Amino acid sequence: MAQKVITTYVDDLTGEESEQIATHSILVDGAGVEIDLTDENYEKLLELLNPYLHADGARRIRGGSKPKGKRKPATGKSDDSSAIRAWARENGYEVSERGRVPAAVREAYESAR
């Protein structure tokens, strides 16, 4: 049986679908979120935050999660964890309901495609 998985990237703010979506991490008072935005919406976010990020006395911090950078357009290589988990269970792999899918399972999934 052949299976084709299609990943659609969606801007979390507008709901716009695009292959040019990037994931950005935002951390405030130790609590963080990741948000997927088009370049245009990310620039708008930076404009809004600019006065706070560059205020006198503002200090850059290191640590926490690393920026994800731009997502690559869908190239047939899937990053759909739910589809990988379903495939893994059907093929005798033990995978958790949440968290990172083990690299060995991802590799087996990609090889089987």
C-alpha atoms as a PDB file:
ATOM      1  CA  MET A   1       0.000   0.000   0.000  1.00  0.00           C
ATOM      2  CA  ALA A   2       1.335   3.423  -0.911  1.00  0.00           C
ATOM      3  CA  GLN A   3       0.758   6.420   1.275  1.00  0.00           C
ATOM      4  CA  LYS A   4       1.262  10.068   0.475  1.00  0.00           C
ATOM      5  CA  VAL A   5       1.462  12.581   3.307  1.00  0.00           C
ATOM      6  CA  ILE A   6       0.966  16.251   2.531  1.00  0.00           C
ATOM      7  CA  THR A   7       2.048  18.879   5.060  1.00  0.00           C
ATOM      8  CA  THR A   8       0.350  22.246   4.967  1.00  0.00           C
ATOM      9  CA  TYR A   9       1.977  25.185   6.739  1.00  0.00           C
ATOM     10  CA  VAL A  10      -0.446  27.731   8.188  1.00  0.00           C
ATOM     11  CA  ASP A  11       0.203  31.178   9.662  1.00  0.00           C
ATOM     12  CA  ASP A  12      -1.068  30.975  13.262  1.00  0.00           C
ATOM     13  CA  LEU A  13      -2.214  34.600  13.221  1.00  0.00           C
ATOM     14  CA  THR A  14      -4.126  34.771   9.940  1.00  0.00           C
ATOM     15  CA  GLY A  15      -4.757  31.152   8.990  1.00  0.00           C
ATOM     16  CA  GLU A  16      -3.026  31.807   5.652  1.00  0.00           C
ATOM     17  CA  GLU A  17      -1.484  28.730   4.024  1.00  0.00           C
ATOM     18  CA  SER A  18       2.029  29.164   2.650  1.00  0.00           C
ATOM     19  CA  GLU A  19       5.237  27.254   2.121  1.00  0.00           C
ATOM     20  CA  GLN A  20       7.051  30.342   3.434  1.00  0.00           C
ATOM     21  CA  ILE A  21       6.137  29.908   7.102  1.00  0.00           C
ATOM     22  CA  ALA A  22       8.717  30.011   9.890  1.00  0.00           C
ATOM     23  CA  THR A  23       8.413  28.953  13.518  1.00  0.00           C
ATOM     24  CA  HIS A  24       9.392  31.575  16.094  1.00  0.00           C
ATOM     25  CA  SER A  25       9.847  31.175  19.859  1.00  0.00           C
ATOM     26  CA  ILE A  26       8.622  33.871  22.222  1.00  0.00           C
ATOM     27  CA  LEU A  27       9.574  33.830  25.914  1.00  0.00           C
ATOM     28  CA  VAL A  28       8.128  36.226  28.518  1.00  0.00           C
ATOM     29  CA  ASP A  29       8.702  35.804  32.252  1.00  0.00           C
ATOM     30  CA  GLY A  30       9.887  32.238  31.756  1.00  0.00           C
ATOM     31  CA  ALA A  31       6.787  31.127  29.844  1.00  0.00           C
ATOM     32  CA  GLY A  32       7.114  30.590  26.145  1.00  0.00           C
ATOM     33  CA  VAL A  33       5.206  29.805  23.011  1.00  0.00           C
ATOM     34  CA  GLU A  34       6.113  28.861  19.485  1.00  0.00           C
ATOM     35  CA  ILE A  35       4.198  30.564  16.720  1.00  0.00           C
ATOM     36  CA  ASP A  36       4.246  29.919  12.970  1.00  0.00           C
ATOM     37  CA  LEU A  37       4.211  33.128  10.935  1.00  0.00           C
ATOM     38  CA  THR A  38       4.771  34.370   7.410  1.00  0.00           C
ATOM     39  CA  ASP A  39       7.725  36.736   6.998  1.00  0.00           C
ATOM     40  CA  GLU A  40       5.296  39.651   6.755  1.00  0.00           C
ATOM     41  CA  ASN A  41       3.581  38.858  10.065  1.00  0.00           C
ATOM     42  CA  TYR A  42       6.914  38.206  11.775  1.00  0.00           C
ATOM     43  CA  GLU A  43       8.112  41.653  10.682  1.00  0.00           C
ATOM     44  CA  LYS A  44       4.913  43.163  12.123  1.00  0.00           C
ATOM     45  CA  LEU A  45       5.571  41.363  15.428  1.00  0.00           C
ATOM     46  CA  LEU A  46       9.141  42.679  15.522  1.00  0.00           C
ATOM     47  CA  GLU A  47       7.909  46.223  14.839  1.00  0.00           C
ATOM     48  CA  LEU A  48       5.517  45.975  17.789  1.00  0.00           C
ATOM     49  CA  LEU A  49       8.211  44.562  20.104  1.00  0.00           C
ATOM     50  CA  ASN A  50      11.031  46.830  18.894  1.00  0.00           C
ATOM     51  CA  PRO A  51      10.634  49.573  21.552  1.00  0.00           C
ATOM     52  CA  TYR A  52      10.752  46.944  24.320  1.00  0.00           C
ATOM     53  CA  LEU A  53      13.593  44.888  22.854  1.00  0.00           C
ATOM     54  CA  HIS A  54      15.789  47.951  22.390  1.00  0.00           C
ATOM     55  CA  ALA A  55      14.880  49.899  25.529  1.00  0.00           C
ATOM     56  CA  ASP A  56      17.716  51.398  27.580  1.00  0.00           C
ATOM     57  CA  GLY A  57      18.686  48.800  30.141  1.00  0.00           C
ATOM     58  CA  ALA A  58      17.292  45.850  28.175  1.00  0.00           C
ATOM     59  CA  ARG A  59      19.706  42.911  28.338  1.00  0.00           C
ATOM     60  CA  ARG A  60      19.931  40.014  25.926  1.00  0.00           C
ATOM     61  CA  ILE A  61      19.673  36.579  27.553  1.00  0.00           C
ATOM     62  CA  ARG A  62      20.909  33.234  26.356  1.00  0.00           C
ATOM     63  CA  GLY A  63      19.463  29.816  26.958  1.00  0.00           C
ATOM     64  CA  GLY A  64      16.058  28.282  26.626  1.00  0.00           C
ATOM     65  CA  SER A  65      15.018  26.882  23.304  1.00  0.00           C
ATOM     66  CA  LYS A  66      16.935  27.693  20.171  1.00  0.00           C
ATOM     67  CA  PRO A  67      15.191  29.479  17.312  1.00  0.00           C
ATOM     68  CA  LYS A  68      13.755  27.050  14.788  1.00  0.00           C
ATOM     69  CA  GLY A  69      14.494  29.145  11.732  1.00  0.00           C
ATOM     70  CA  LYS A  70      12.570  28.851   8.516  1.00  0.00           C
ATOM     71  CA  ARG A  71      10.618  25.755   7.735  1.00  0.00           C
ATOM     72  CA  LYS A  72      11.545  24.097   4.516  1.00  0.00           C
ATOM     73  CA  PRO A  73       8.847  23.721   1.904  1.00  0.00           C
ATOM     74  CA  ALA A  74       7.249  20.312   1.736  1.00  0.00           C
ATOM     75  CA  THR A  75       9.456  18.130  -0.431  1.00  0.00           C
ATOM     76  CA  GLY A  76       7.819  14.757   0.068  1.00  0.00           C
ATOM     77  CA  LYS A  77       9.756  14.280   3.293  1.00  0.00           C
ATOM     78  CA  SER A  78       7.175  14.333   6.064  1.00  0.00           C
ATOM     79  CA  ASP A  79       7.446  16.018   9.409  1.00  0.00           C
ATOM     80  CA  ASP A  80       3.934  14.918  10.392  1.00  0.00           C
ATOM     81  CA  SER A  81       4.432  13.213  13.740  1.00  0.00           C
ATOM     82  CA  SER A  82       0.865  11.910  13.959  1.00  0.00           C
ATOM     83  CA  ALA A  83       1.187  10.106  10.614  1.00  0.00           C
ATOM     84  CA  ILE A  84       4.565   8.686  11.648  1.00  0.00           C
ATOM     85  CA  ARG A  85       3.129   7.492  14.986  1.00  0.00           C
ATOM     86  CA  ALA A  86       0.200   5.791  13.221  1.00  0.00           C
ATOM     87  CA  TRP A  87       2.552   4.091  10.763  1.00  0.00           C
ATOM     88  CA  ALA A  88       4.874   3.025  13.593  1.00  0.00           C
ATOM     89  CA  ARG A  89       2.075   1.389  15.580  1.00  0.00           C
ATOM     90  CA  GLU A  90       0.815  -0.439  12.475  1.00  0.00           C
ATOM     91  CA  ASN A  91       4.340  -1.757  11.939  1.00  0.00           C
ATOM     92  CA  GLY A  92       5.069  -2.942  15.474  1.00  0.00           C
ATOM     93  CA  TYR A  93       7.011   0.048  16.855  1.00  0.00           C
ATOM     94  CA  GLU A  94       6.273   1.359  20.336  1.00  0.00           C
ATOM     95  CA  VAL A  95       5.857   5.141  20.317  1.00  0.00           C
ATOM     96  CA  SER A  96       4.461   7.514  22.918  1.00  0.00           C
ATOM     97  CA  GLU A  97       1.357   9.595  22.325  1.00  0.00           C
ATOM     98  CA  ARG A  98       3.308  12.821  22.872  1.00  0.00           C
ATOM     99  CA  GLY A  99       6.836  14.123  22.649  1.00  0.00           C
ATOM    100  CA  ARG A 100       9.527  13.582  20.073  1.00  0.00           C
ATOM    101  CA  VAL A 101       9.291  10.606  17.741  1.00  0.00           C
ATOM    102  CA  PRO A 102      12.566   8.640  18.022  1.00  0.00           C
ATOM    103  CA  ALA A 103      14.979   9.142  15.132  1.00  0.00           C
ATOM    104  CA  ALA A 104      15.082   5.397  14.411  1.00  0.00           C
ATOM    105  CA  VAL A 105      11.294   5.361  13.944  1.00  0.00           C
ATOM    106  CA  ARG A 106      11.433   8.436  11.662  1.00  0.00           C
ATOM    107  CA  GLU A 107      14.177   6.796   9.593  1.00  0.00           C
ATOM    108  CA  ALA A 108      12.207   3.560   9.277  1.00  0.00           C
ATOM    109  CA  TYR A 109       9.123   5.546   8.256  1.00  0.00           C
ATOM    110  CA  GLU A 110      11.049   7.469   5.592  1.00  0.00           C
ATOM    111  CA  SER A 111      12.664   4.250   4.292  1.00  0.00           C
ATOM    112  CA  ALA A 112       9.282   2.547   4.015  1.00  0.00           C
ATOM    113  CA  ARG A 113       7.804   5.363   1.946  1.00  0.00           C
END
